[in-house]
Amino acid sequence: MPSVADRAAPAIVADGLVKRFGGALALDGVSLAAPEGSVLCLLGPNGAGKTTVVRTLTTLLPPDSGRASVAGYDVVREAGRVRAAIGVTGQFTAVDDLMTGTQNLVMVARLGGFSRQAARSRAAELLDLLGLSEAAGRLVRTYSGGMRRRLDLAACLVRRPRVLFLDEPTTGLDPRSRGELWSLVLDVVAKGTTVLLTTQYLEEADRLADDVVVLDRGRVVVTGPPRQLKQRVGGHRVEFHPPDRSRADAVARAATALTGRPAAADGDVVRMNLDEAAAFPDVARRLMDAGLVVGEISLGYPSLDEVFLALTGRPRAGALAEGAADDAGH
């Protein structure tokens, strides 16, 4: 399956980016591409280089070597044009608690060169788009975390950026607020904006990304669509519950002997990998005929958690929990 980046003109391109901090190598020849109107997700453990990539692409850090362009502009030679074409939101919201939602957006618009009337019109448009119209006249300090996040995203959209950088935008949000923000991101992309997203939530990458770039120790480990990356780790995944969930380990051993395919228990669930989806009906029939399965038996792909572990050699737990100082140790 070809990458999305192979099918459309790129809005973000990085070619061999190298960045050092003192004697430490933060980026070691990073190359990536994101086509217009797509979502590119950067995944990697703490210190992998994700935030350094974002800072380089948003003109905050010049690379030591290599080249990059955003919206068709070189990030070093045409930094001003890059900044005029992008929106950036970080892990922490950058809105003023002592102003209303409308006042925050009007201020951003005015700073961006909008007339007073145009600023108020754009603010109202965005507040409606992001479901904040009813709270437009309230002080931001009364907003929930999800509302503040939406307002922060609205501020990034005031100038209709061609490329939007989201650095862990849903950190600290409850599941409902995260889902709402995901929908907003997809709406923005549907209108042609390109998004580069860093996240500590692998399910977020699975839900939003057209392509994923896995970074580790400043290098690109692998690039591809989420489904393609899952296929690299064990092909397809069979999953089922045994009749007696307390005997999952024994059932896994029996399933291995019966099918000739290694099975393993994970809590009260038994899983095994298949190279080909076509083998699933026969495997499922054997397991059910032997009385090893109760209820549903399913076929899917390994999770991005498993992909991450297989590609980087590091467990997910704690590995992706990055704060604002992602690369400060470099």
C-alpha atoms as a PDB file:
ATOM      1  CA  MET A   1       0.000   0.000   0.000  1.00  0.00           C
ATOM      2  CA  PRO A   2       1.641   3.302  -1.021  1.00  0.00           C
ATOM      3  CA  SER A   3       2.092   6.059   1.516  1.00  0.00           C
ATOM      4  CA  VAL A   4      -0.209   9.067   1.315  1.00  0.00           C
ATOM      5  CA  ALA A   5       2.903  11.133   0.694  1.00  0.00           C
ATOM      6  CA  ASP A   6       3.363   9.255  -2.583  1.00  0.00           C
ATOM      7  CA  ARG A   7      -0.032  10.367  -3.858  1.00  0.00           C
ATOM      8  CA  ALA A   8      -0.139  14.145  -3.415  1.00  0.00           C
ATOM      9  CA  ALA A   9       2.057  17.227  -3.519  1.00  0.00           C
ATOM     10  CA  PRO A  10       3.961  17.656  -0.238  1.00  0.00           C
ATOM     11  CA  ALA A  11       3.127  20.501   2.132  1.00  0.00           C
ATOM     12  CA  ILE A  12       5.932  19.484   4.519  1.00  0.00           C
ATOM     13  CA  VAL A  13       9.289  18.105   3.420  1.00  0.00           C
ATOM     14  CA  ALA A  14      12.358  17.371   5.509  1.00  0.00           C
ATOM     15  CA  ASP A  15      15.491  15.924   3.939  1.00  0.00           C
ATOM     16  CA  GLY A  16      18.377  14.726   6.082  1.00  0.00           C
ATOM     17  CA  LEU A  17      17.843  17.074   9.040  1.00  0.00           C
ATOM     18  CA  VAL A  18      20.707  17.072  11.536  1.00  0.00           C
ATOM     19  CA  LYS A  19      20.672  18.995  14.812  1.00  0.00           C
ATOM     20  CA  ARG A  20      23.173  18.914  17.660  1.00  0.00           C
ATOM     21  CA  PHE A  21      22.944  20.355  21.155  1.00  0.00           C
ATOM     22  CA  GLY A  22      26.478  20.523  22.458  1.00  0.00           C
ATOM     23  CA  GLY A  23      27.940  17.103  21.867  1.00  0.00           C
ATOM     24  CA  ALA A  24      24.566  15.342  21.702  1.00  0.00           C
ATOM     25  CA  LEU A  25      22.947  14.479  18.381  1.00  0.00           C
ATOM     26  CA  ALA A  26      19.223  15.321  18.578  1.00  0.00           C
ATOM     27  CA  LEU A  27      18.373  14.709  14.906  1.00  0.00           C
ATOM     28  CA  ASP A  28      20.410  12.297  12.847  1.00  0.00           C
ATOM     29  CA  GLY A  29      19.385  12.631   9.221  1.00  0.00           C
ATOM     30  CA  VAL A  30      15.604  12.878   9.651  1.00  0.00           C
ATOM     31  CA  SER A  31      13.614  12.800   6.413  1.00  0.00           C
ATOM     32  CA  LEU A  32       9.834  12.919   6.111  1.00  0.00           C
ATOM     33  CA  ALA A  33       7.034  14.271   3.933  1.00  0.00           C
ATOM     34  CA  ALA A  34       3.377  15.156   4.376  1.00  0.00           C
ATOM     35  CA  PRO A  35       1.098  15.869   1.408  1.00  0.00           C
ATOM     36  CA  GLU A  36      -1.459  18.658   1.363  1.00  0.00           C
ATOM     37  CA  GLY A  37      -4.646  17.901   3.244  1.00  0.00           C
ATOM     38  CA  SER A  38      -3.250  15.009   5.284  1.00  0.00           C
ATOM     39  CA  VAL A  39      -2.244  14.176   8.856  1.00  0.00           C
ATOM     40  CA  LEU A  40       1.324  13.118   9.573  1.00  0.00           C
ATOM     41  CA  CYS A  41       1.901  11.790  13.088  1.00  0.00           C
ATOM     42  CA  LEU A  42       5.270  11.706  14.851  1.00  0.00           C
ATOM     43  CA  LEU A  43       5.643   8.952  17.446  1.00  0.00           C
ATOM     44  CA  GLY A  44       8.664   8.198  19.576  1.00  0.00           C
ATOM     45  CA  PRO A  45       9.948   7.795  23.129  1.00  0.00           C
ATOM     46  CA  ASN A  46      11.055  10.654  25.339  1.00  0.00           C
ATOM     47  CA  GLY A  47      14.003  12.403  23.734  1.00  0.00           C
ATOM     48  CA  ALA A  48      13.442  10.783  20.336  1.00  0.00           C
ATOM     49  CA  GLY A  49      13.553  14.159  18.591  1.00  0.00           C
ATOM     50  CA  LYS A  50       9.884  14.863  17.874  1.00  0.00           C
ATOM     51  CA  THR A  51       9.776  18.336  19.372  1.00  0.00           C
ATOM     52  CA  THR A  52      13.134  19.182  17.783  1.00  0.00           C
ATOM     53  CA  VAL A  53      11.584  18.295  14.409  1.00  0.00           C
ATOM     54  CA  VAL A  54       8.598  20.541  15.139  1.00  0.00           C
ATOM     55  CA  ARG A  55      10.791  23.430  16.271  1.00  0.00           C
ATOM     56  CA  THR A  56      12.905  23.089  13.152  1.00  0.00           C
ATOM     57  CA  LEU A  57       9.932  22.986  10.795  1.00  0.00           C
ATOM     58  CA  THR A  58       8.332  25.995  12.518  1.00  0.00           C
ATOM     59  CA  THR A  59      11.579  28.024  12.139  1.00  0.00           C
ATOM     60  CA  LEU A  60      12.368  28.149  15.873  1.00  0.00           C
ATOM     61  CA  LEU A  61      15.569  26.103  15.432  1.00  0.00           C
ATOM     62  CA  PRO A  62      17.819  26.176  12.365  1.00  0.00           C
ATOM     63  CA  PRO A  63      19.107  22.749  11.344  1.00  0.00           C
ATOM     64  CA  ASP A  64      22.859  22.156  11.398  1.00  0.00           C
ATOM     65  CA  SER A  65      22.535  20.422   8.056  1.00  0.00           C
ATOM     66  CA  GLY A  66      19.821  19.113   5.782  1.00  0.00           C
ATOM     67  CA  ARG A  67      16.917  20.995   4.270  1.00  0.00           C
ATOM     68  CA  ALA A  68      13.234  21.447   4.983  1.00  0.00           C
ATOM     69  CA  SER A  69      10.305  23.290   3.471  1.00  0.00           C
ATOM     70  CA  VAL A  70       6.810  24.029   4.734  1.00  0.00           C
ATOM     71  CA  ALA A  71       4.015  25.219   2.423  1.00  0.00           C
ATOM     72  CA  GLY A  72       6.646  25.402  -0.310  1.00  0.00           C
ATOM     73  CA  TYR A  73       8.969  27.754   1.605  1.00  0.00           C
ATOM     74  CA  ASP A  74      12.446  26.970   2.883  1.00  0.00           C
ATOM     75  CA  VAL A  75      12.435  27.047   6.696  1.00  0.00           C
ATOM     76  CA  VAL A  76      15.802  28.854   6.827  1.00  0.00           C
ATOM     77  CA  ARG A  77      15.888  31.140   3.796  1.00  0.00           C
ATOM     78  CA  GLU A  78      12.156  31.970   3.844  1.00  0.00           C
ATOM     79  CA  ALA A  79      11.380  31.723   7.553  1.00  0.00           C
ATOM     80  CA  GLY A  80       9.016  34.710   7.495  1.00  0.00           C
ATOM     81  CA  ARG A  81       6.875  33.173   4.778  1.00  0.00           C
ATOM     82  CA  VAL A  82       6.791  29.861   6.643  1.00  0.00           C
ATOM     83  CA  ARG A  83       5.568  31.585   9.812  1.00  0.00           C
ATOM     84  CA  ALA A  84       2.849  33.370   7.833  1.00  0.00           C
ATOM     85  CA  ALA A  85       1.610  30.034   6.446  1.00  0.00           C
ATOM     86  CA  ILE A  86       1.432  27.971   9.638  1.00  0.00           C
ATOM     87  CA  GLY A  87      -0.429  27.631  12.920  1.00  0.00           C
ATOM     88  CA  VAL A  88       1.139  26.071  16.009  1.00  0.00           C
ATOM     89  CA  THR A  89      -0.354  24.818  19.259  1.00  0.00           C
ATOM     90  CA  GLY A  90       1.637  23.161  22.022  1.00  0.00           C
ATOM     91  CA  GLN A  91       0.880  20.888  24.926  1.00  0.00           C
ATOM     92  CA  PHE A  92      -0.293  23.813  27.049  1.00  0.00           C
ATOM     93  CA  THR A  93      -2.929  26.277  25.894  1.00  0.00           C
ATOM     94  CA  ALA A  94      -1.843  29.829  25.101  1.00  0.00           C
ATOM     95  CA  VAL A  95      -5.084  31.693  25.765  1.00  0.00           C
ATOM     96  CA  ASP A  96      -5.677  34.565  28.203  1.00  0.00           C
ATOM     97  CA  ASP A  97      -7.792  33.535  31.205  1.00  0.00           C
ATOM     98  CA  LEU A  98      -8.782  37.143  31.947  1.00  0.00           C
ATOM     99  CA  MET A  99     -10.333  37.708  28.514  1.00  0.00           C
ATOM    100  CA  THR A 100     -13.452  36.239  26.956  1.00  0.00           C
ATOM    101  CA  GLY A 101     -13.352  33.719  24.144  1.00  0.00           C
ATOM    102  CA  THR A 102     -14.284  36.430  21.655  1.00  0.00           C
ATOM    103  CA  GLN A 103     -11.681  38.851  22.986  1.00  0.00           C
ATOM    104  CA  ASN A 104      -8.939  36.220  22.693  1.00  0.00           C
ATOM    105  CA  LEU A 105      -9.690  35.536  19.053  1.00  0.00           C
ATOM    106  CA  VAL A 106     -10.202  39.194  18.140  1.00  0.00           C
ATOM    107  CA  MET A 107      -6.809  39.999  19.677  1.00  0.00           C
ATOM    108  CA  VAL A 108      -5.108  37.252  17.645  1.00  0.00           C
ATOM    109  CA  ALA A 109      -6.849  38.413  14.471  1.00  0.00           C
ATOM    110  CA  ARG A 110      -5.907  42.052  15.029  1.00  0.00           C
ATOM    111  CA  LEU A 111      -2.276  41.061  15.610  1.00  0.00           C
ATOM    112  CA  GLY A 112      -2.508  39.161  12.326  1.00  0.00           C
ATOM    113  CA  GLY A 113      -3.506  42.290  10.436  1.00  0.00           C
ATOM    114  CA  PHE A 114      -7.300  41.947  10.373  1.00  0.00           C
ATOM    115  CA  SER A 115      -9.437  45.072  10.520  1.00  0.00           C
ATOM    116  CA  ARG A 116     -11.598  45.457  13.631  1.00  0.00           C
ATOM    117  CA  GLN A 117     -14.727  44.355  11.779  1.00  0.00           C
ATOM    118  CA  ALA A 118     -13.006  41.465  10.019  1.00  0.00           C
ATOM    119  CA  ALA A 119     -11.479  40.308  13.323  1.00  0.00           C
ATOM    120  CA  ARG A 120     -14.858  40.146  15.041  1.00  0.00           C
ATOM    121  CA  SER A 121     -16.383  38.356  12.063  1.00  0.00           C
ATOM    122  CA  ARG A 122     -13.596  35.757  11.974  1.00  0.00           C
ATOM    123  CA  ALA A 123     -13.812  35.259  15.747  1.00  0.00           C
ATOM    124  CA  ALA A 124     -17.567  34.622  15.550  1.00  0.00           C
ATOM    125  CA  GLU A 125     -17.079  32.213  12.646  1.00  0.00           C
ATOM    126  CA  LEU A 126     -14.492  30.161  14.536  1.00  0.00           C
ATOM    127  CA  LEU A 127     -16.395  30.156  17.811  1.00  0.00           C
ATOM    128  CA  ASP A 128     -19.384  28.745  15.955  1.00  0.00           C
ATOM    129  CA  LEU A 129     -17.255  26.202  14.097  1.00  0.00           C
ATOM    130  CA  LEU A 130     -15.694  24.909  17.311  1.00  0.00           C
ATOM    131  CA  GLY A 131     -18.929  24.858  19.296  1.00  0.00           C
ATOM    132  CA  LEU A 132     -18.029  27.760  21.591  1.00  0.00           C
ATOM    133  CA  SER A 133     -20.607  30.355  20.568  1.00  0.00           C
ATOM    134  CA  GLU A 134     -22.610  30.069  23.788  1.00  0.00           C
ATOM    135  CA  ALA A 135     -19.451  30.632  25.845  1.00  0.00           C
ATOM    136  CA  ALA A 136     -18.065  33.400  23.629  1.00  0.00           C
ATOM    137  CA  GLY A 137     -18.760  36.156  26.163  1.00  0.00           C
ATOM    138  CA  ARG A 138     -17.473  34.278  29.211  1.00  0.00           C
ATOM    139  CA  LEU A 139     -14.019  34.700  30.712  1.00  0.00           C
ATOM    140  CA  VAL A 140     -11.747  31.851  29.621  1.00  0.00           C
ATOM    141  CA  ARG A 141     -10.920  31.063  33.254  1.00  0.00           C
ATOM    142  CA  THR A 142     -14.452  29.601  33.480  1.00  0.00           C
ATOM    143  CA  TYR A 143     -13.865  27.225  30.545  1.00  0.00           C
ATOM    144  CA  SER A 144     -13.325  23.494  30.932  1.00  0.00           C
ATOM    145  CA  GLY A 145     -10.094  21.910  29.721  1.00  0.00           C
ATOM    146  CA  GLY A 146     -11.716  20.754  26.514  1.00  0.00           C
ATOM    147  CA  MET A 147     -13.173  24.202  25.827  1.00  0.00           C
ATOM    148  CA  ARG A 148      -9.791  25.835  26.381  1.00  0.00           C
ATOM    149  CA  ARG A 149      -8.218  23.387  23.956  1.00  0.00           C
ATOM    150  CA  ARG A 150     -10.819  24.204  21.316  1.00  0.00           C
ATOM    151  CA  LEU A 151     -10.268  27.914  21.818  1.00  0.00           C
ATOM    152  CA  ASP A 152      -6.511  27.410  21.493  1.00  0.00           C
ATOM    153  CA  LEU A 153      -7.082  25.562  18.230  1.00  0.00           C
ATOM    154  CA  ALA A 154      -9.384  28.362  17.064  1.00  0.00           C
ATOM    155  CA  ALA A 155      -6.606  30.888  17.708  1.00  0.00           C
ATOM    156  CA  CYS A 156      -4.298  28.834  15.474  1.00  0.00           C
ATOM    157  CA  LEU A 157      -6.904  28.827  12.721  1.00  0.00           C
ATOM    158  CA  VAL A 158      -7.579  32.580  12.666  1.00  0.00           C
ATOM    159  CA  ARG A 159      -5.283  33.197   9.679  1.00  0.00           C
ATOM    160  CA  ARG A 160      -6.422  30.052   7.860  1.00  0.00           C
ATOM    161  CA  PRO A 161      -3.021  28.315   8.020  1.00  0.00           C
ATOM    162  CA  ARG A 162      -2.000  26.028   5.221  1.00  0.00           C
ATOM    163  CA  VAL A 163      -0.099  23.839   7.693  1.00  0.00           C
ATOM    164  CA  LEU A 164      -1.020  23.229  11.335  1.00  0.00           C
ATOM    165  CA  PHE A 165       1.433  21.857  13.922  1.00  0.00           C
ATOM    166  CA  LEU A 166      -0.188  20.191  16.939  1.00  0.00           C
ATOM    167  CA  ASP A 167       2.262  19.190  19.675  1.00  0.00           C
ATOM    168  CA  GLU A 168       0.404  16.751  21.969  1.00  0.00           C
ATOM    169  CA  PRO A 169      -2.867  18.710  21.685  1.00  0.00           C
ATOM    170  CA  THR A 170      -5.025  16.368  23.789  1.00  0.00           C
ATOM    171  CA  THR A 171      -2.719  15.915  26.784  1.00  0.00           C
ATOM    172  CA  GLY A 172      -4.770  15.975  29.985  1.00  0.00           C
ATOM    173  CA  LEU A 173      -8.168  15.914  28.280  1.00  0.00           C
ATOM    174  CA  ASP A 174     -10.926  13.476  29.199  1.00  0.00           C
ATOM    175  CA  PRO A 175     -11.994  10.908  26.545  1.00  0.00           C
ATOM    176  CA  ARG A 176     -15.005  12.939  25.424  1.00  0.00           C
ATOM    177  CA  SER A 177     -12.971  16.133  24.951  1.00  0.00           C
ATOM    178  CA  ARG A 178     -10.281  14.197  23.110  1.00  0.00           C
ATOM    179  CA  GLY A 179     -12.886  12.761  20.756  1.00  0.00           C
ATOM    180  CA  GLU A 180     -14.302  16.221  20.096  1.00  0.00           C
ATOM    181  CA  LEU A 181     -10.864  17.599  19.288  1.00  0.00           C
ATOM    182  CA  TRP A 182     -10.150  14.661  16.977  1.00  0.00           C
ATOM    183  CA  SER A 183     -13.320  15.471  15.037  1.00  0.00           C
ATOM    184  CA  LEU A 184     -12.288  19.111  14.746  1.00  0.00           C
ATOM    185  CA  VAL A 185      -8.863  18.156  13.434  1.00  0.00           C
ATOM    186  CA  LEU A 186     -10.415  15.910  10.800  1.00  0.00           C
ATOM    187  CA  ASP A 187     -12.776  18.725   9.779  1.00  0.00           C
ATOM    188  CA  VAL A 188      -9.826  21.090   9.347  1.00  0.00           C
ATOM    189  CA  VAL A 189      -7.957  18.530   7.247  1.00  0.00           C
ATOM    190  CA  ALA A 190     -11.032  17.930   5.092  1.00  0.00           C
ATOM    191  CA  LYS A 191     -10.893  21.609   4.138  1.00  0.00           C
ATOM    192  CA  GLY A 192      -7.328  21.252   2.866  1.00  0.00           C
ATOM    193  CA  THR A 193      -5.104  22.044   5.840  1.00  0.00           C
ATOM    194  CA  THR A 194      -2.110  19.788   6.424  1.00  0.00           C
ATOM    195  CA  VAL A 195      -1.524  18.695  10.021  1.00  0.00           C
ATOM    196  CA  LEU A 196       1.652  17.473  11.677  1.00  0.00           C
ATOM    197  CA  LEU A 197       0.729  15.899  15.003  1.00  0.00           C
ATOM    198  CA  THR A 198       2.890  14.656  17.851  1.00  0.00           C
ATOM    199  CA  THR A 199       1.135  12.580  20.464  1.00  0.00           C
ATOM    200  CA  GLN A 200       1.666  10.264  23.400  1.00  0.00           C
ATOM    201  CA  TYR A 201      -1.597   8.450  22.602  1.00  0.00           C
ATOM    202  CA  LEU A 202      -1.085   5.673  20.092  1.00  0.00           C
ATOM    203  CA  GLU A 203      -4.828   5.360  19.508  1.00  0.00           C
ATOM    204  CA  GLU A 204      -4.779   9.030  18.492  1.00  0.00           C
ATOM    205  CA  ALA A 205      -2.301   8.258  15.730  1.00  0.00           C
ATOM    206  CA  ASP A 206      -4.395   5.264  14.717  1.00  0.00           C
ATOM    207  CA  ARG A 207      -7.541   7.412  14.488  1.00  0.00           C
ATOM    208  CA  LEU A 208      -6.123  10.512  12.797  1.00  0.00           C
ATOM    209  CA  ALA A 209      -2.937   9.758  10.884  1.00  0.00           C
ATOM    210  CA  ASP A 210      -2.647   9.125   7.183  1.00  0.00           C
ATOM    211  CA  ASP A 211       1.041   8.412   7.747  1.00  0.00           C
ATOM    212  CA  VAL A 212       3.089   7.733  10.876  1.00  0.00           C
ATOM    213  CA  VAL A 213       6.782   8.460  11.376  1.00  0.00           C
ATOM    214  CA  VAL A 214       8.360   6.559  14.263  1.00  0.00           C
ATOM    215  CA  LEU A 215      11.422   8.316  15.661  1.00  0.00           C
ATOM    216  CA  ASP A 216      13.983   6.847  18.038  1.00  0.00           C
ATOM    217  CA  ARG A 217      17.238   8.453  19.164  1.00  0.00           C
ATOM    218  CA  GLY A 218      16.950  11.141  16.513  1.00  0.00           C
ATOM    219  CA  ARG A 219      16.467   8.754  13.614  1.00  0.00           C
ATOM    220  CA  VAL A 220      13.463   7.675  11.580  1.00  0.00           C
ATOM    221  CA  VAL A 221      12.798   4.028  12.422  1.00  0.00           C
ATOM    222  CA  VAL A 222       9.955   3.513   9.968  1.00  0.00           C
ATOM    223  CA  THR A 223       7.352   5.472   8.016  1.00  0.00           C
ATOM    224  CA  GLY A 224       3.984   4.390   6.688  1.00  0.00           C
ATOM    225  CA  PRO A 225       0.209   4.344   7.176  1.00  0.00           C
ATOM    226  CA  PRO A 226      -0.925   2.862  10.526  1.00  0.00           C
ATOM    227  CA  ARG A 227      -2.380  -0.250   8.898  1.00  0.00           C
ATOM    228  CA  GLN A 228       0.822  -0.889   6.962  1.00  0.00           C
ATOM    229  CA  LEU A 229       2.914  -0.567  10.115  1.00  0.00           C
ATOM    230  CA  LYS A 230       0.670  -3.038  11.915  1.00  0.00           C
ATOM    231  CA  GLN A 231       1.115  -5.509   9.072  1.00  0.00           C
ATOM    232  CA  ARG A 232       4.865  -5.387   9.657  1.00  0.00           C
ATOM    233  CA  VAL A 233       4.400  -6.864  13.128  1.00  0.00           C
ATOM    234  CA  GLY A 234       2.886 -10.307  12.967  1.00  0.00           C
ATOM    235  CA  GLY A 235       0.466  -9.884  10.092  1.00  0.00           C
ATOM    236  CA  HIS A 236      -3.080 -10.519  11.343  1.00  0.00           C
ATOM    237  CA  ARG A 237      -4.139 -11.093  14.934  1.00  0.00           C
ATOM    238  CA  VAL A 238      -6.667 -13.679  16.152  1.00  0.00           C
ATOM    239  CA  GLU A 239      -8.157 -12.896  19.562  1.00  0.00           C
ATOM    240  CA  PHE A 240     -10.674 -14.811  21.683  1.00  0.00           C
ATOM    241  CA  HIS A 241     -11.808 -15.567  25.241  1.00  0.00           C
ATOM    242  CA  PRO A 242     -11.559 -19.164  26.494  1.00  0.00           C
ATOM    243  CA  PRO A 243     -14.560 -20.779  28.249  1.00  0.00           C
ATOM    244  CA  ASP A 244     -12.738 -20.681  31.601  1.00  0.00           C
ATOM    245  CA  ARG A 245     -10.867 -17.395  31.647  1.00  0.00           C
ATOM    246  CA  SER A 246      -8.821 -18.464  34.650  1.00  0.00           C
ATOM    247  CA  ARG A 247      -7.234 -21.137  32.419  1.00  0.00           C
ATOM    248  CA  ALA A 248      -6.207 -18.854  29.574  1.00  0.00           C
ATOM    249  CA  ASP A 249      -2.579 -20.040  29.711  1.00  0.00           C
ATOM    250  CA  ALA A 250      -3.634 -23.692  29.361  1.00  0.00           C
ATOM    251  CA  VAL A 251      -5.984 -22.806  26.503  1.00  0.00           C
ATOM    252  CA  ALA A 252      -3.180 -20.917  24.752  1.00  0.00           C
ATOM    253  CA  ARG A 253      -0.982 -24.019  24.931  1.00  0.00           C
ATOM    254  CA  ALA A 254      -3.819 -26.176  23.604  1.00  0.00           C
ATOM    255  CA  ALA A 255      -4.480 -23.705  20.770  1.00  0.00           C
ATOM    256  CA  THR A 256      -0.797 -23.784  19.827  1.00  0.00           C
ATOM    257  CA  ALA A 257      -0.778 -27.591  19.692  1.00  0.00           C
ATOM    258  CA  LEU A 258      -4.052 -27.681  17.739  1.00  0.00           C
ATOM    259  CA  THR A 259      -3.224 -25.078  15.066  1.00  0.00           C
ATOM    260  CA  GLY A 260       0.555 -25.213  14.915  1.00  0.00           C
ATOM    261  CA  ARG A 261       0.612 -21.438  15.436  1.00  0.00           C
ATOM    262  CA  PRO A 262       2.048 -19.896  18.616  1.00  0.00           C
ATOM    263  CA  ALA A 263      -0.683 -18.586  20.911  1.00  0.00           C
ATOM    264  CA  ALA A 264      -0.250 -16.599  24.116  1.00  0.00           C
ATOM    265  CA  ALA A 265      -2.503 -15.505  26.954  1.00  0.00           C
ATOM    266  CA  ASP A 266      -2.753 -11.849  27.903  1.00  0.00           C
ATOM    267  CA  GLY A 267      -4.866 -11.757  31.033  1.00  0.00           C
ATOM    268  CA  ASP A 268      -8.080 -13.560  30.147  1.00  0.00           C
ATOM    269  CA  VAL A 269      -7.619 -13.150  26.377  1.00  0.00           C
ATOM    270  CA  VAL A 270      -5.776 -15.528  24.049  1.00  0.00           C
ATOM    271  CA  ARG A 271      -4.042 -14.162  20.969  1.00  0.00           C
ATOM    272  CA  MET A 272      -2.211 -15.673  18.011  1.00  0.00           C
ATOM    273  CA  ASN A 273      -0.772 -14.258  14.791  1.00  0.00           C
ATOM    274  CA  LEU A 274      -1.642 -15.320  11.255  1.00  0.00           C
ATOM    275  CA  ASP A 275       0.437 -14.545   8.184  1.00  0.00           C
ATOM    276  CA  GLU A 276      -2.613 -14.681   5.943  1.00  0.00           C
ATOM    277  CA  ALA A 277      -6.190 -13.613   6.674  1.00  0.00           C
ATOM    278  CA  ALA A 278      -7.390 -16.478   4.486  1.00  0.00           C
ATOM    279  CA  ALA A 279      -6.325 -18.936   7.196  1.00  0.00           C
ATOM    280  CA  PHE A 280      -8.710 -17.443   9.741  1.00  0.00           C
ATOM    281  CA  PRO A 281     -11.886 -19.474   8.945  1.00  0.00           C
ATOM    282  CA  ASP A 282     -10.030 -22.786   9.293  1.00  0.00           C
ATOM    283  CA  VAL A 283      -8.281 -21.721  12.516  1.00  0.00           C
ATOM    284  CA  ALA A 284     -11.518 -20.396  14.023  1.00  0.00           C
ATOM    285  CA  ARG A 285     -13.389 -23.626  13.150  1.00  0.00           C
ATOM    286  CA  ARG A 286     -10.705 -25.804  14.759  1.00  0.00           C
ATOM    287  CA  LEU A 287     -10.673 -23.723  17.940  1.00  0.00           C
ATOM    288  CA  MET A 288     -14.462 -23.715  18.241  1.00  0.00           C
ATOM    289  CA  ASP A 289     -14.810 -27.437  17.459  1.00  0.00           C
ATOM    290  CA  ALA A 290     -12.281 -28.158  20.215  1.00  0.00           C
ATOM    291  CA  GLY A 291     -14.295 -26.084  22.684  1.00  0.00           C
ATOM    292  CA  LEU A 292     -11.490 -23.580  23.238  1.00  0.00           C
ATOM    293  CA  VAL A 293     -13.563 -20.520  22.339  1.00  0.00           C
ATOM    294  CA  VAL A 294     -16.586 -19.018  24.021  1.00  0.00           C
ATOM    295  CA  GLY A 295     -18.429 -16.097  22.456  1.00  0.00           C
ATOM    296  CA  GLU A 296     -16.685 -13.988  19.836  1.00  0.00           C
ATOM    297  CA  ILE A 297     -13.473 -14.757  17.994  1.00  0.00           C
ATOM    298  CA  SER A 298     -12.066 -11.866  15.984  1.00  0.00           C
ATOM    299  CA  LEU A 299      -9.463 -11.140  13.340  1.00  0.00           C
ATOM    300  CA  GLY A 300      -7.597  -7.842  13.263  1.00  0.00           C
ATOM    301  CA  TYR A 301      -4.147  -6.286  13.299  1.00  0.00           C
ATOM    302  CA  PRO A 302      -1.626  -5.829  16.110  1.00  0.00           C
ATOM    303  CA  SER A 303      -2.001  -2.537  17.938  1.00  0.00           C
ATOM    304  CA  LEU A 304       0.266   0.438  17.381  1.00  0.00           C
ATOM    305  CA  ASP A 305       1.505  -0.210  20.932  1.00  0.00           C
ATOM    306  CA  GLU A 306       2.912  -3.534  19.729  1.00  0.00           C
ATOM    307  CA  VAL A 307       4.298  -1.908  16.585  1.00  0.00           C
ATOM    308  CA  PHE A 308       6.071   0.699  18.676  1.00  0.00           C
ATOM    309  CA  LEU A 309       7.601  -1.924  20.965  1.00  0.00           C
ATOM    310  CA  ALA A 310       8.715  -4.103  18.058  1.00  0.00           C
ATOM    311  CA  LEU A 311      10.304  -1.206  16.174  1.00  0.00           C
ATOM    312  CA  THR A 312      12.004   0.617  19.043  1.00  0.00           C
ATOM    313  CA  GLY A 313      12.581  -2.188  21.508  1.00  0.00           C
ATOM    314  CA  ARG A 314      10.937  -0.108  24.220  1.00  0.00           C
ATOM    315  CA  PRO A 315       7.619  -0.683  25.997  1.00  0.00           C
ATOM    316  CA  ARG A 316       4.894   1.861  25.553  1.00  0.00           C
ATOM    317  CA  ALA A 317       4.315   2.387  29.296  1.00  0.00           C
ATOM    318  CA  GLY A 318       5.993   5.676  30.093  1.00  0.00           C
ATOM    319  CA  ALA A 319       7.930   5.653  26.835  1.00  0.00           C
ATOM    320  CA  LEU A 320       5.745   8.182  25.075  1.00  0.00           C
ATOM    321  CA  ALA A 321       4.932  10.394  28.066  1.00  0.00           C
ATOM    322  CA  GLU A 322       6.578  13.552  26.904  1.00  0.00           C
ATOM    323  CA  GLY A 323       6.247  16.953  28.414  1.00  0.00           C
ATOM    324  CA  ALA A 324       6.970  20.321  26.951  1.00  0.00           C
ATOM    325  CA  ALA A 325      10.723  19.734  27.375  1.00  0.00           C
ATOM    326  CA  ASP A 326      10.722  16.667  25.126  1.00  0.00           C
ATOM    327  CA  ASP A 327      14.232  17.136  23.832  1.00  0.00           C
ATOM    328  CA  ALA A 328      15.692  19.312  26.549  1.00  0.00           C
ATOM    329  CA  GLY A 329      18.047  16.521  27.541  1.00  0.00           C
ATOM    330  CA  HIS A 330      19.812  16.616  24.168  1.00  0.00           C
END
